[in-house]
Amino acid sequence: MFETFGFETLTAPQAAVLFGLVLGAAFGALAQVTRFCLRRAVVGTAEERRPAAAVWLTALAAAVIGTQLAVSAGLVSFEDHRFHTADIPVAALLTGGLLFGAGMVLTRGCASRLTVLLASGNLRALTVLLVFAISAHATLKGVLAPLRTALGDATLTVDSGVLPGAPLFWGGLVALAAAALAWRAGVRPLHLGLAALLGLLVPAGWVGTGFVLLDEFDPIDLASLSFTAPAADGLFWTVAATAIPANFGVGLFGGTVAGALVLSLARREFTWLSFASPAETGRYLTGGALMGVGGATAGGCTVGAGLSGVPTLGLSAILALAAIVLGSWLTDRALATRTKAPAAAVPAE
């Protein structure tokens, strides 16, 4: 499709960087306004969980419906995508998902949320993202790659790698759950509308890279919103731009920071924040490393495997997201038990 536009000075990979920049800017701005965050929906306070879940599920519903409409229109296909494989890498998905979930609780935010917080002056987020990107790159292409590969070899073969039934039924089901939560939580319709717009960026990403920028002579990877590989690519492109070309992920990551920064400044939410103690620093660094290893092993984060992966209806993406949610919940319970333990040991007066 791309070659039909008649560009003479811009190749498909170069256009993909610009497309990622625009898509990321939109995501960063919308995520800043809606406080889009899965961690808050799973382990936040009682007052946070329902509205956060309503926002996240609204975005997911829009992403599922939009993606499946694009599939039915023939604009994109996931036939050969790793999310649709019949040989599901169960060990990698479960291990990576649990690690990522644990890490996002330790850092109080997943990779996408921390990227947005970075643009608001949060130096904790900056530090975590550096560790996240390095550990993700080490798992994808470095010293930890053999471990990831070994886990990926442990597979479970199924008849089909996708959910059975009508695709739009699943989108409607998620939308119904989001509406129920939004009604109970009293979330404003405008907020839900912005969340839906955020979710529609997912099919925009799939269609943009899989149809509009499709060039048989200079192909690019089919991709949408994601933060594990883009964070790693963004870091190493920054320090070695003359040797490593930018790609869609680099543009996406940079655009997210730019979009969130503009909104944080416009809304006067930019505030410098840093670590309060060495113990807190250690906790965040540990969480960043776990997220990097986990996201690379599971094949995506809460956005890459969750918001973008689940709309493909691939079982691998669904299993990865379920493991992330479970890992975050178990880690939160463990931390809560540890916090209460000393008080429980003190005898009553």
Foldseek 3Di string as FASTA:
>chain_A
DQVVVVDDPAALQRVLLVVLLVLLLLLLQLCLVLVAFVLCLQQNPPLRNLSNLLLNLLLLLLLLQLQVVCVVVVLFDCPPPPLKDQWFLQQLLLQLLLLLLLLCLLQVGHLLSLLLVVLLAEVLSVVLLVLLLVLLCCCVPNDVVVVLVVSSVDTDGDPIQFDDDDSNVVSVVSNVVSVVSCVVSVPDPVSSVSSSVSSSQLSVQQSVQGHNSDDPVDHDDRAGDFQQNLSNLLVVCVVCVVVRPDGNSNSNSNSSSVSSNVNCVVVVSRDHHYDDDPVSSVSNSSSSSSSSNSQNSLVGHCCRLNSNNCSSRGNSSVSSNVSSSVSNNVSSVVVVCVVCVVVVPDDDD
